[in-house]
Amino acid sequence: MRRLIVAITGASGALLGVEALRRAAAEPDIETHAIVTGAGLQTLHEETDLGLADVRSLADHVHKNNDLAAPPASGSFRSDAMIVAPCSVTTLSSIANSYDANLVVRAADVMLKERRPLVLLFRETPFHLGHIRLMEQATMSGAIVMPPMPAFYLRPQTVDDIVVQTVGRAFDLAGMPLDDTQRWNGPPGRRTRDGERAWNGGEGDPGGD
C-alpha cells in the first residue's frame, strides 16, 4: 500500500487538490492523508460547491492543520509522496524556509528531509523576484515546483480537462503515474511503427529548430 499526502492550501485552484484525492481514491493501492488549511477550505467554498465533507468522502484520513502530532509530522511515518495542490505563496515561503508552524509545512519538511517526492502546484501569476527566489530555494531543498500550466497541445475543451491533465502530471512527478493520464504521442498520422515521431514533409515542414 502506497501512502500519499494531499494538502489543499489557500490559493486559487482548490479543484486541483480535490481532483488529486479523487484520482487517488480510484487506485486501490493508494492510501491518502488529506490536510486542508483554513484558507484552503475558504477557497474551496468560494470556487466550488464542495466542502470538508467532500474531502472526507474522498480521503482515507483527514488531519487538522494545527495537529502537529498527526502521523505525517514524523519522518518515521512512511509516506511515499506529497502533493500540495494548490500551493499558496505563504505555504511555499514556509516550506522554503522550514517554518514548520502547521501540519502542511511540517509534513512537507519531513518529505524533504527524508528525501521523498514533494510536488508543489504553486498557483500564482505573475511572479515577482521574491516568488522566483522562493521557488529556487524550495527546489534546491529537493521539492518539485510545478506551476499548474495547461498543456494546450492536448487540446483541452473544458476546465475539467485542464485540471485532470495537470493533476495527472503531478502524479507522474510524485512517482505515482496513473494509467488514465492523457499523454503526448506525436501528431496524428506522424508516428512510425515503433512509436517515434516522423515528419511527412509538405507545407509547414519546419526543417529543424
N, C-alpha and C. Protein backbone atom coordinates (compact mmCIF):
# COMPACT_ATOMS: atom_id res chain seq x y z
N MET A 1 0.84 -1.19 0.00
CA MET A 1 0.00 0.00 0.00
C MET A 1 0.88 1.25 0.00
N ARG A 2 0.66 2.12 -0.98
CA ARG A 2 1.40 3.38 -1.06
C ARG A 2 0.62 4.47 -0.33
N ARG A 3 1.35 5.39 0.30
CA ARG A 3 0.72 6.49 1.03
C ARG A 3 1.01 7.81 0.33
N LEU A 4 -0.05 8.57 0.13
CA LEU A 4 0.06 9.88 -0.50
C LEU A 4 -0.56 10.93 0.40
N ILE A 5 0.18 12.00 0.66
CA ILE A 5 -0.35 13.15 1.41
C ILE A 5 -0.78 14.20 0.39
N VAL A 6 -2.00 14.69 0.52
CA VAL A 6 -2.52 15.75 -0.34
C VAL A 6 -2.90 16.93 0.53
N ALA A 7 -2.29 18.08 0.27
CA ALA A 7 -2.60 19.30 1.03
C ALA A 7 -3.28 20.31 0.12
N ILE A 8 -4.35 20.90 0.62
CA ILE A 8 -5.08 21.95 -0.09
C ILE A 8 -4.89 23.24 0.70
N THR A 9 -4.21 24.21 0.11
CA THR A 9 -3.93 25.47 0.81
C THR A 9 -4.69 26.61 0.15
N GLY A 10 -4.48 27.83 0.65
CA GLY A 10 -5.35 28.94 0.31
C GLY A 10 -5.02 29.71 -0.95
N ALA A 11 -4.67 29.04 -2.02
CA ALA A 11 -4.51 29.69 -3.31
C ALA A 11 -5.67 29.28 -4.20
N SER A 12 -5.90 30.04 -5.24
CA SER A 12 -6.93 29.66 -6.20
C SER A 12 -6.56 28.34 -6.86
N GLY A 13 -7.57 27.51 -7.11
CA GLY A 13 -7.31 26.21 -7.72
C GLY A 13 -7.58 25.05 -6.79
N ALA A 14 -8.55 25.21 -5.88
CA ALA A 14 -8.86 24.15 -4.92
C ALA A 14 -9.26 22.85 -5.61
N LEU A 15 -9.81 22.95 -6.82
CA LEU A 15 -10.21 21.75 -7.56
C LEU A 15 -9.02 20.84 -7.84
N LEU A 16 -7.82 21.40 -7.90
CA LEU A 16 -6.63 20.59 -8.14
C LEU A 16 -6.43 19.58 -7.02
N GLY A 17 -6.58 20.03 -5.78
CA GLY A 17 -6.44 19.13 -4.64
C GLY A 17 -7.55 18.10 -4.58
N VAL A 18 -8.77 18.54 -4.87
CA VAL A 18 -9.91 17.61 -4.88
C VAL A 18 -9.71 16.54 -5.95
N GLU A 19 -9.26 16.95 -7.13
CA GLU A 19 -9.02 16.00 -8.21
C GLU A 19 -7.91 15.02 -7.84
N ALA A 20 -6.88 15.49 -7.15
CA ALA A 20 -5.82 14.59 -6.70
C ALA A 20 -6.37 13.52 -5.77
N LEU A 21 -7.24 13.91 -4.86
CA LEU A 21 -7.87 12.94 -3.96
C LEU A 21 -8.79 12.00 -4.73
N ARG A 22 -9.52 12.53 -5.69
CA ARG A 22 -10.43 11.69 -6.47
C ARG A 22 -9.67 10.65 -7.27
N ARG A 23 -8.58 11.06 -7.89
CA ARG A 23 -7.79 10.12 -8.68
C ARG A 23 -7.15 9.06 -7.80
N ALA A 24 -6.65 9.48 -6.64
CA ALA A 24 -6.04 8.52 -5.73
C ALA A 24 -7.08 7.54 -5.18
N ALA A 25 -8.30 8.02 -4.95
CA ALA A 25 -9.36 7.15 -4.42
C ALA A 25 -9.71 6.03 -5.40
N ALA A 26 -9.45 6.26 -6.68
CA ALA A 26 -9.74 5.25 -7.69
C ALA A 26 -8.64 4.20 -7.79
N GLU A 27 -7.54 4.42 -7.07
CA GLU A 27 -6.42 3.48 -7.08
C GLU A 27 -6.43 2.68 -5.78
N PRO A 28 -6.74 1.39 -5.83
CA PRO A 28 -6.89 0.61 -4.59
C PRO A 28 -5.61 0.48 -3.77
N ASP A 29 -4.46 0.75 -4.38
CA ASP A 29 -3.21 0.58 -3.65
C ASP A 29 -2.66 1.90 -3.11
N ILE A 30 -3.46 2.98 -3.16
CA ILE A 30 -3.01 4.27 -2.63
C ILE A 30 -3.87 4.66 -1.43
N GLU A 31 -3.21 4.89 -0.30
CA GLU A 31 -3.88 5.39 0.91
C GLU A 31 -3.60 6.89 1.01
N THR A 32 -4.66 7.68 1.17
CA THR A 32 -4.49 9.13 1.16
C THR A 32 -4.66 9.74 2.54
N HIS A 33 -3.83 10.75 2.79
CA HIS A 33 -3.91 11.56 4.01
C HIS A 33 -4.07 13.01 3.56
N ALA A 34 -5.22 13.59 3.84
CA ALA A 34 -5.53 14.95 3.39
C ALA A 34 -5.36 15.95 4.52
N ILE A 35 -4.86 17.13 4.16
CA ILE A 35 -4.76 18.26 5.10
C ILE A 35 -5.30 19.49 4.36
N VAL A 36 -6.25 20.17 4.97
CA VAL A 36 -6.83 21.36 4.36
C VAL A 36 -6.62 22.53 5.32
N THR A 37 -5.97 23.58 4.84
CA THR A 37 -5.78 24.76 5.68
C THR A 37 -7.08 25.55 5.78
N GLY A 38 -7.14 26.48 6.73
CA GLY A 38 -8.33 27.31 6.87
C GLY A 38 -8.61 28.11 5.61
N ALA A 39 -7.56 28.71 5.05
CA ALA A 39 -7.72 29.47 3.81
C ALA A 39 -8.04 28.55 2.64
N GLY A 40 -7.51 27.33 2.69
CA GLY A 40 -7.82 26.36 1.64
C GLY A 40 -9.29 25.98 1.65
N LEU A 41 -9.85 25.81 2.84
CA LEU A 41 -11.26 25.49 2.96
C LEU A 41 -12.13 26.65 2.48
N GLN A 42 -11.73 27.86 2.83
CA GLN A 42 -12.46 29.04 2.38
C GLN A 42 -12.47 29.13 0.85
N THR A 43 -11.31 28.89 0.25
CA THR A 43 -11.22 28.93 -1.21
C THR A 43 -12.05 27.82 -1.84
N LEU A 44 -12.05 26.65 -1.22
CA LEU A 44 -12.86 25.54 -1.71
C LEU A 44 -14.34 25.92 -1.75
N HIS A 45 -14.80 26.59 -0.69
CA HIS A 45 -16.20 27.04 -0.64
C HIS A 45 -16.48 28.08 -1.72
N GLU A 46 -15.53 28.99 -1.94
CA GLU A 46 -15.76 30.09 -2.87
C GLU A 46 -15.69 29.66 -4.33
N GLU A 47 -14.84 28.68 -4.62
CA GLU A 47 -14.62 28.29 -6.02
C GLU A 47 -15.48 27.12 -6.47
N THR A 48 -16.03 26.37 -5.51
CA THR A 48 -16.80 25.17 -5.85
C THR A 48 -18.03 25.08 -4.96
N ASP A 49 -18.81 24.05 -5.17
CA ASP A 49 -19.94 23.75 -4.28
C ASP A 49 -19.56 22.68 -3.27
N LEU A 50 -18.27 22.47 -3.07
CA LEU A 50 -17.77 21.42 -2.20
C LEU A 50 -17.37 21.97 -0.85
N GLY A 51 -17.19 21.06 0.11
CA GLY A 51 -16.77 21.43 1.45
C GLY A 51 -15.93 20.34 2.07
N LEU A 52 -15.67 20.46 3.35
CA LEU A 52 -14.82 19.50 4.04
C LEU A 52 -15.41 18.09 4.01
N ALA A 53 -16.72 17.99 4.03
CA ALA A 53 -17.36 16.67 3.97
C ALA A 53 -17.00 15.94 2.67
N ASP A 54 -16.87 16.69 1.59
CA ASP A 54 -16.50 16.07 0.32
C ASP A 54 -15.05 15.59 0.35
N VAL A 55 -14.19 16.36 0.99
CA VAL A 55 -12.80 15.93 1.16
C VAL A 55 -12.75 14.65 1.98
N ARG A 56 -13.52 14.61 3.04
CA ARG A 56 -13.56 13.41 3.90
C ARG A 56 -14.05 12.19 3.13
N SER A 57 -14.98 12.40 2.21
CA SER A 57 -15.52 11.27 1.45
C SER A 57 -14.51 10.70 0.47
N LEU A 58 -13.51 11.49 0.09
CA LEU A 58 -12.51 11.04 -0.88
C LEU A 58 -11.24 10.52 -0.23
N ALA A 59 -10.86 11.08 0.91
CA ALA A 59 -9.60 10.73 1.57
C ALA A 59 -9.79 9.59 2.56
N ASP A 60 -8.74 8.81 2.73
CA ASP A 60 -8.78 7.76 3.76
C ASP A 60 -8.63 8.35 5.14
N HIS A 61 -7.84 9.41 5.25
CA HIS A 61 -7.62 10.08 6.53
C HIS A 61 -7.57 11.59 6.28
N VAL A 62 -8.18 12.35 7.17
CA VAL A 62 -8.13 13.82 7.10
C VAL A 62 -7.57 14.33 8.42
N HIS A 63 -6.52 15.16 8.35
CA HIS A 63 -5.86 15.67 9.55
C HIS A 63 -6.07 17.17 9.68
N LYS A 64 -6.19 17.64 10.89
CA LYS A 64 -6.30 19.07 11.14
C LYS A 64 -4.94 19.73 10.93
N ASN A 65 -4.94 20.90 10.35
CA ASN A 65 -3.69 21.57 10.04
C ASN A 65 -2.92 22.00 11.28
N ASN A 66 -3.60 22.14 12.41
CA ASN A 66 -2.90 22.53 13.64
C ASN A 66 -2.47 21.33 14.48
N ASP A 67 -2.67 20.12 13.95
CA ASP A 67 -2.33 18.90 14.70
C ASP A 67 -0.91 18.46 14.34
N LEU A 68 0.05 19.00 15.05
CA LEU A 68 1.45 18.66 14.78
C LEU A 68 1.86 17.33 15.38
N ALA A 69 0.90 16.63 15.99
CA ALA A 69 1.15 15.27 16.48
C ALA A 69 0.59 14.22 15.52
N ALA A 70 0.01 14.66 14.41
CA ALA A 70 -0.55 13.72 13.43
C ALA A 70 0.58 12.92 12.77
N PRO A 71 0.30 11.72 12.28
CA PRO A 71 1.34 10.87 11.70
C PRO A 71 2.22 11.54 10.64
N PRO A 72 1.68 12.35 9.70
CA PRO A 72 2.56 12.92 8.68
C PRO A 72 3.63 13.87 9.21
N ALA A 73 3.55 14.24 10.49
CA ALA A 73 4.53 15.15 11.07
C ALA A 73 5.84 14.45 11.41
N SER A 74 5.88 13.13 11.29
CA SER A 74 7.07 12.38 11.68
C SER A 74 7.71 11.68 10.49
N GLY A 75 9.02 11.70 10.45
CA GLY A 75 9.73 11.00 9.40
C GLY A 75 9.61 9.50 9.49
N SER A 76 9.27 8.98 10.66
CA SER A 76 9.10 7.53 10.80
C SER A 76 7.78 7.05 10.21
N PHE A 77 6.89 7.99 9.88
CA PHE A 77 5.64 7.65 9.19
C PHE A 77 5.96 7.52 7.71
N ARG A 78 5.83 6.33 7.19
CA ARG A 78 6.25 6.05 5.83
C ARG A 78 5.23 6.53 4.81
N SER A 79 5.45 7.71 4.28
CA SER A 79 4.63 8.22 3.18
C SER A 79 5.48 8.23 1.93
N ASP A 80 4.87 7.94 0.80
CA ASP A 80 5.63 7.79 -0.44
C ASP A 80 5.75 9.08 -1.23
N ALA A 81 4.81 9.99 -1.06
CA ALA A 81 4.86 11.25 -1.79
C ALA A 81 3.88 12.23 -1.17
N MET A 82 4.08 13.51 -1.49
CA MET A 82 3.16 14.56 -1.04
C MET A 82 2.93 15.53 -2.18
N ILE A 83 1.67 15.88 -2.39
CA ILE A 83 1.30 16.87 -3.40
C ILE A 83 0.57 18.01 -2.69
N VAL A 84 1.06 19.23 -2.86
CA VAL A 84 0.38 20.42 -2.32
C VAL A 84 -0.32 21.09 -3.50
N ALA A 85 -1.65 20.99 -3.50
CA ALA A 85 -2.42 21.44 -4.66
C ALA A 85 -3.74 22.07 -4.23
N PRO A 86 -3.83 23.39 -4.38
CA PRO A 86 -2.81 24.32 -4.84
C PRO A 86 -1.87 24.71 -3.70
N CYS A 87 -0.74 25.27 -4.06
CA CYS A 87 0.23 25.74 -3.07
C CYS A 87 0.23 27.27 -3.06
N SER A 88 -0.11 27.84 -1.93
CA SER A 88 -0.15 29.30 -1.80
C SER A 88 1.25 29.88 -1.63
N VAL A 89 1.37 31.18 -1.78
CA VAL A 89 2.65 31.86 -1.56
C VAL A 89 3.11 31.66 -0.12
N THR A 90 2.18 31.79 0.82
CA THR A 90 2.54 31.61 2.23
C THR A 90 3.09 30.23 2.48
N THR A 91 2.44 29.22 1.89
CA THR A 91 2.90 27.84 2.09
C THR A 91 4.25 27.62 1.43
N LEU A 92 4.43 28.12 0.21
CA LEU A 92 5.72 28.00 -0.46
C LEU A 92 6.81 28.64 0.37
N SER A 93 6.57 29.84 0.87
CA SER A 93 7.57 30.55 1.67
C SER A 93 7.92 29.76 2.92
N SER A 94 6.91 29.22 3.58
CA SER A 94 7.15 28.47 4.81
C SER A 94 7.93 27.20 4.54
N ILE A 95 7.59 26.50 3.45
CA ILE A 95 8.31 25.27 3.10
C ILE A 95 9.76 25.60 2.74
N ALA A 96 9.96 26.64 1.95
CA ALA A 96 11.31 27.01 1.52
C ALA A 96 12.20 27.37 2.70
N ASN A 97 11.58 27.89 3.77
CA ASN A 97 12.35 28.32 4.94
C ASN A 97 12.20 27.40 6.14
N SER A 98 11.60 26.21 5.93
CA SER A 98 11.43 25.22 7.01
C SER A 98 10.73 25.81 8.22
N TYR A 99 9.73 26.65 7.97
CA TYR A 99 8.98 27.27 9.06
C TYR A 99 7.79 26.38 9.39
N ASP A 100 8.04 25.38 10.24
CA ASP A 100 7.08 24.30 10.47
C ASP A 100 6.00 24.69 11.48
N ALA A 101 5.20 25.69 11.16
CA ALA A 101 4.21 26.20 12.11
C ALA A 101 2.88 25.46 12.02
N ASN A 102 2.69 24.65 10.99
CA ASN A 102 1.45 23.88 10.87
C ASN A 102 1.76 22.53 10.23
N LEU A 103 0.73 21.68 10.14
CA LEU A 103 0.97 20.32 9.68
C LEU A 103 1.34 20.25 8.20
N VAL A 104 0.75 21.11 7.37
CA VAL A 104 1.10 21.09 5.95
C VAL A 104 2.59 21.33 5.77
N VAL A 105 3.11 22.37 6.40
CA VAL A 105 4.52 22.71 6.23
C VAL A 105 5.41 21.68 6.90
N ARG A 106 5.01 21.20 8.07
CA ARG A 106 5.80 20.18 8.75
C ARG A 106 5.87 18.90 7.91
N ALA A 107 4.73 18.47 7.37
CA ALA A 107 4.72 17.27 6.54
C ALA A 107 5.59 17.45 5.31
N ALA A 108 5.54 18.63 4.72
CA ALA A 108 6.39 18.92 3.56
C ALA A 108 7.86 18.90 3.94
N ASP A 109 8.18 19.46 5.09
CA ASP A 109 9.56 19.48 5.57
C ASP A 109 10.06 18.06 5.81
N VAL A 110 9.18 17.21 6.32
CA VAL A 110 9.52 15.80 6.52
C VAL A 110 9.85 15.14 5.18
N MET A 111 9.03 15.41 4.16
CA MET A 111 9.30 14.83 2.85
C MET A 111 10.68 15.23 2.35
N LEU A 112 11.05 16.48 2.55
CA LEU A 112 12.35 16.95 2.09
C LEU A 112 13.49 16.31 2.86
N LYS A 113 13.37 16.27 4.18
CA LYS A 113 14.48 15.72 4.96
C LYS A 113 14.63 14.22 4.79
N GLU A 114 13.52 13.55 4.44
CA GLU A 114 13.57 12.11 4.22
C GLU A 114 13.82 11.75 2.76
N ARG A 115 14.03 12.79 1.93
CA ARG A 115 14.33 12.60 0.50
C ARG A 115 13.20 11.87 -0.22
N ARG A 116 11.97 12.33 0.03
CA ARG A 116 10.80 11.76 -0.63
C ARG A 116 10.17 12.82 -1.55
N PRO A 117 9.45 12.40 -2.58
CA PRO A 117 8.90 13.36 -3.55
C PRO A 117 7.91 14.34 -2.92
N LEU A 118 8.13 15.62 -3.17
CA LEU A 118 7.23 16.69 -2.74
C LEU A 118 6.94 17.56 -3.96
N VAL A 119 5.68 17.60 -4.39
CA VAL A 119 5.29 18.35 -5.57
C VAL A 119 4.43 19.54 -5.15
N LEU A 120 4.86 20.73 -5.53
CA LEU A 120 4.17 21.96 -5.14
C LEU A 120 3.53 22.60 -6.36
N LEU A 121 2.20 22.59 -6.43
CA LEU A 121 1.49 23.25 -7.52
C LEU A 121 1.29 24.71 -7.13
N PHE A 122 2.35 25.48 -7.32
CA PHE A 122 2.37 26.88 -6.91
C PHE A 122 1.46 27.69 -7.83
N ARG A 123 0.37 28.20 -7.26
CA ARG A 123 -0.68 28.84 -8.05
C ARG A 123 -0.64 30.35 -7.84
N GLU A 124 0.26 30.97 -8.58
CA GLU A 124 0.37 32.44 -8.52
C GLU A 124 0.83 32.94 -9.88
N THR A 125 0.37 34.11 -10.27
CA THR A 125 0.82 34.73 -11.52
C THR A 125 0.45 36.21 -11.52
N PRO A 126 1.31 37.06 -12.04
CA PRO A 126 2.69 36.80 -12.47
C PRO A 126 3.60 36.65 -11.26
N PHE A 127 4.83 36.23 -11.51
CA PHE A 127 5.81 36.08 -10.44
C PHE A 127 6.64 37.36 -10.30
N HIS A 128 6.94 37.74 -9.07
CA HIS A 128 7.98 38.75 -8.87
C HIS A 128 9.24 38.03 -8.40
N LEU A 129 10.31 38.76 -8.23
CA LEU A 129 11.60 38.14 -7.93
C LEU A 129 11.56 37.33 -6.64
N GLY A 130 10.78 37.81 -5.65
CA GLY A 130 10.67 37.07 -4.40
C GLY A 130 10.07 35.69 -4.61
N HIS A 131 9.04 35.59 -5.46
CA HIS A 131 8.45 34.28 -5.76
C HIS A 131 9.48 33.36 -6.41
N ILE A 132 10.21 33.91 -7.37
CA ILE A 132 11.20 33.10 -8.09
C ILE A 132 12.28 32.60 -7.15
N ARG A 133 12.70 33.45 -6.23
CA ARG A 133 13.72 33.02 -5.27
C ARG A 133 13.20 31.96 -4.32
N LEU A 134 11.92 32.07 -3.93
CA LEU A 134 11.32 31.03 -3.08
C LEU A 134 11.24 29.71 -3.83
N MET A 135 10.86 29.75 -5.09
CA MET A 135 10.81 28.52 -5.89
C MET A 135 12.20 27.91 -6.03
N GLU A 136 13.19 28.77 -6.23
CA GLU A 136 14.57 28.29 -6.31
C GLU A 136 14.99 27.64 -5.00
N GLN A 137 14.67 28.29 -3.90
CA GLN A 137 15.06 27.78 -2.59
C GLN A 137 14.40 26.43 -2.31
N ALA A 138 13.10 26.33 -2.62
CA ALA A 138 12.40 25.06 -2.40
C ALA A 138 12.97 23.98 -3.31
N THR A 139 13.28 24.33 -4.54
CA THR A 139 13.85 23.36 -5.48
C THR A 139 15.21 22.87 -5.00
N MET A 140 16.03 23.78 -4.50
CA MET A 140 17.36 23.39 -4.02
C MET A 140 17.27 22.49 -2.79
N SER A 141 16.16 22.58 -2.06
CA SER A 141 15.96 21.70 -0.90
C SER A 141 15.40 20.34 -1.29
N GLY A 142 15.00 20.21 -2.56
CA GLY A 142 14.53 18.91 -3.04
C GLY A 142 13.09 18.87 -3.50
N ALA A 143 12.36 19.98 -3.38
CA ALA A 143 10.97 20.00 -3.83
C ALA A 143 10.90 20.11 -5.35
N ILE A 144 9.76 19.70 -5.89
CA ILE A 144 9.47 19.88 -7.31
C ILE A 144 8.39 20.94 -7.41
N VAL A 145 8.74 22.10 -7.95
CA VAL A 145 7.77 23.19 -8.09
C VAL A 145 7.13 23.08 -9.47
N MET A 146 5.82 22.89 -9.48
CA MET A 146 5.08 22.69 -10.72
C MET A 146 3.92 23.67 -10.81
N PRO A 147 4.14 24.87 -11.34
CA PRO A 147 3.00 25.76 -11.57
C PRO A 147 2.00 25.07 -12.50
N PRO A 148 0.73 25.08 -12.17
CA PRO A 148 -0.27 24.32 -12.95
C PRO A 148 -0.59 24.99 -14.28
N MET A 149 0.33 24.85 -15.23
CA MET A 149 0.16 25.45 -16.55
C MET A 149 -0.50 24.46 -17.49
N PRO A 150 -1.53 24.87 -18.22
CA PRO A 150 -2.25 23.94 -19.10
C PRO A 150 -1.38 23.39 -20.22
N ALA A 151 -1.62 22.13 -20.57
CA ALA A 151 -0.96 21.51 -21.72
C ALA A 151 -1.87 21.68 -22.93
N PHE A 152 -1.74 22.80 -23.63
CA PHE A 152 -2.66 23.11 -24.72
C PHE A 152 -2.48 22.18 -25.92
N TYR A 153 -1.33 21.51 -26.03
CA TYR A 153 -1.13 20.60 -27.15
C TYR A 153 -2.08 19.41 -27.10
N LEU A 154 -2.70 19.17 -25.94
CA LEU A 154 -3.70 18.11 -25.82
C LEU A 154 -5.11 18.60 -26.14
N ARG A 155 -5.23 19.87 -26.50
CA ARG A 155 -6.49 20.49 -26.92
C ARG A 155 -7.60 20.32 -25.88
N PRO A 156 -7.40 20.82 -24.67
CA PRO A 156 -8.46 20.71 -23.66
C PRO A 156 -9.70 21.47 -24.09
N GLN A 157 -10.86 20.90 -23.80
CA GLN A 157 -12.13 21.51 -24.17
C GLN A 157 -12.82 22.18 -23.00
N THR A 158 -12.48 21.78 -21.79
CA THR A 158 -13.13 22.30 -20.59
C THR A 158 -12.09 22.56 -19.51
N VAL A 159 -12.51 23.27 -18.47
CA VAL A 159 -11.65 23.47 -17.30
C VAL A 159 -11.32 22.13 -16.67
N ASP A 160 -12.30 21.23 -16.63
CA ASP A 160 -12.05 19.91 -16.06
C ASP A 160 -10.95 19.18 -16.80
N ASP A 161 -10.90 19.31 -18.13
CA ASP A 161 -9.83 18.68 -18.90
C ASP A 161 -8.47 19.17 -18.43
N ILE A 162 -8.36 20.47 -18.19
CA ILE A 162 -7.10 21.06 -17.74
C ILE A 162 -6.74 20.55 -16.35
N VAL A 163 -7.72 20.52 -15.46
CA VAL A 163 -7.48 20.06 -14.09
C VAL A 163 -7.03 18.61 -14.08
N VAL A 164 -7.73 17.76 -14.84
CA VAL A 164 -7.41 16.33 -14.88
C VAL A 164 -5.99 16.11 -15.40
N GLN A 165 -5.63 16.78 -16.49
CA GLN A 165 -4.29 16.60 -17.06
C GLN A 165 -3.21 17.13 -16.12
N THR A 166 -3.45 18.28 -15.51
CA THR A 166 -2.47 18.86 -14.60
C THR A 166 -2.21 17.94 -13.42
N VAL A 167 -3.26 17.41 -12.86
CA VAL A 167 -3.11 16.51 -11.71
C VAL A 167 -2.42 15.21 -12.13
N GLY A 168 -2.72 14.74 -13.32
CA GLY A 168 -2.02 13.55 -13.81
C GLY A 168 -0.52 13.76 -13.90
N ARG A 169 -0.11 14.94 -14.34
CA ARG A 169 1.33 15.24 -14.40
C ARG A 169 1.92 15.34 -13.01
N ALA A 170 1.15 15.87 -12.06
CA ALA A 170 1.65 15.94 -10.68
C ALA A 170 1.89 14.54 -10.13
N PHE A 171 1.01 13.60 -10.45
CA PHE A 171 1.21 12.21 -10.01
C PHE A 171 2.45 11.62 -10.66
N ASP A 172 2.70 11.95 -11.92
CA ASP A 172 3.94 11.50 -12.56
C ASP A 172 5.15 11.96 -11.76
N LEU A 173 5.18 13.24 -11.44
CA LEU A 173 6.32 13.81 -10.72
C LEU A 173 6.44 13.26 -9.31
N ALA A 174 5.31 12.84 -8.74
CA ALA A 174 5.32 12.25 -7.40
C ALA A 174 5.75 10.79 -7.41
N GLY A 175 5.99 10.26 -8.60
CA GLY A 175 6.40 8.86 -8.70
C GLY A 175 5.24 7.89 -8.63
N MET A 176 4.03 8.38 -8.90
CA MET A 176 2.83 7.55 -8.87
C MET A 176 2.06 7.73 -10.18
N PRO A 177 2.62 7.36 -11.32
CA PRO A 177 1.94 7.58 -12.60
C PRO A 177 0.61 6.84 -12.67
N LEU A 178 -0.38 7.49 -13.27
CA LEU A 178 -1.71 6.92 -13.40
C LEU A 178 -1.95 6.50 -14.85
N ASP A 179 -2.58 5.35 -15.03
CA ASP A 179 -2.78 4.81 -16.37
C ASP A 179 -3.69 5.69 -17.23
N ASP A 180 -4.61 6.43 -16.59
CA ASP A 180 -5.58 7.19 -17.37
C ASP A 180 -5.12 8.61 -17.71
N THR A 181 -3.87 8.93 -17.42
CA THR A 181 -3.36 10.26 -17.76
C THR A 181 -3.13 10.38 -19.26
N GLN A 182 -3.69 11.42 -19.86
CA GLN A 182 -3.52 11.64 -21.29
C GLN A 182 -2.10 12.09 -21.57
N ARG A 183 -1.46 11.47 -22.58
CA ARG A 183 -0.06 11.76 -22.85
C ARG A 183 0.15 12.08 -24.33
N TRP A 184 1.18 12.85 -24.60
CA TRP A 184 1.50 13.23 -25.97
C TRP A 184 2.19 12.08 -26.67
N ASN A 185 1.65 11.68 -27.83
CA ASN A 185 2.25 10.60 -28.62
C ASN A 185 2.61 11.05 -30.03
N GLY A 186 2.72 12.36 -30.22
CA GLY A 186 3.04 12.89 -31.53
C GLY A 186 1.78 13.26 -32.29
N PRO A 187 1.91 14.08 -33.33
CA PRO A 187 0.74 14.48 -34.11
C PRO A 187 0.10 13.28 -34.78
N PRO A 188 -1.22 13.27 -34.95
CA PRO A 188 -1.91 12.17 -35.63
C PRO A 188 -1.34 11.96 -37.04
N GLY A 189 -1.08 10.71 -37.39
CA GLY A 189 -0.57 10.40 -38.72
C GLY A 189 0.90 10.64 -38.91
N ARG A 190 1.59 11.01 -37.85
CA ARG A 190 3.03 11.30 -37.99
C ARG A 190 3.85 10.43 -37.05
N ARG A 191 3.37 9.21 -36.82
CA ARG A 191 4.12 8.32 -35.94
C ARG A 191 4.55 7.09 -36.71
N THR A 192 5.78 6.67 -36.51
CA THR A 192 6.28 5.47 -37.14
C THR A 192 5.78 4.26 -36.37
N ARG A 193 6.01 3.09 -36.93
CA ARG A 193 5.51 1.87 -36.31
C ARG A 193 6.04 1.67 -34.90
N ASP A 194 7.28 2.07 -34.67
CA ASP A 194 7.87 1.87 -33.34
C ASP A 194 7.55 3.01 -32.39
N GLY A 195 6.68 3.94 -32.82
CA GLY A 195 6.22 4.98 -31.91
C GLY A 195 7.01 6.27 -31.99
N GLU A 196 8.08 6.31 -32.81
CA GLU A 196 8.85 7.53 -32.92
C GLU A 196 8.16 8.50 -33.87
N ARG A 197 8.33 9.78 -33.58
CA ARG A 197 7.70 10.80 -34.41
C ARG A 197 8.38 10.88 -35.78
N ALA A 198 7.55 10.96 -36.83
CA ALA A 198 8.07 11.09 -38.19
C ALA A 198 7.41 12.29 -38.86
N TRP A 199 8.14 12.97 -39.75
CA TRP A 199 7.60 14.13 -40.46
C TRP A 199 7.46 13.77 -41.93
N ASN A 200 6.27 14.00 -42.50
CA ASN A 200 5.99 13.59 -43.87
C ASN A 200 6.27 14.69 -44.89
N GLY A 201 6.78 15.82 -44.45
CA GLY A 201 7.08 16.89 -45.38
C GLY A 201 5.85 17.68 -45.76
N GLY A 202 5.96 18.47 -46.82
CA GLY A 202 4.83 19.27 -47.26
C GLY A 202 4.87 20.65 -46.65
N GLU A 203 3.81 21.40 -46.88
CA GLU A 203 3.75 22.78 -46.40
C GLU A 203 3.88 22.82 -44.88
N GLY A 204 4.71 23.70 -44.41
CA GLY A 204 4.87 23.85 -42.97
C GLY A 204 5.97 22.98 -42.39
N ASP A 205 6.69 22.21 -43.24
CA ASP A 205 7.79 21.40 -42.75
C ASP A 205 8.81 22.31 -42.10
N PRO A 206 9.05 22.15 -40.78
CA PRO A 206 9.95 23.08 -40.09
C PRO A 206 11.39 22.94 -40.49
N GLY A 207 11.82 21.74 -40.90
CA GLY A 207 13.18 21.55 -41.36
C GLY A 207 14.24 21.74 -40.30
N GLY A 208 13.88 21.71 -39.03
CA GLY A 208 14.85 21.87 -37.95
C GLY A 208 14.26 22.66 -36.81
N ASP A 209 15.10 23.26 -36.01
CA ASP A 209 14.65 24.01 -34.85
C ASP A 209 13.91 25.28 -35.25
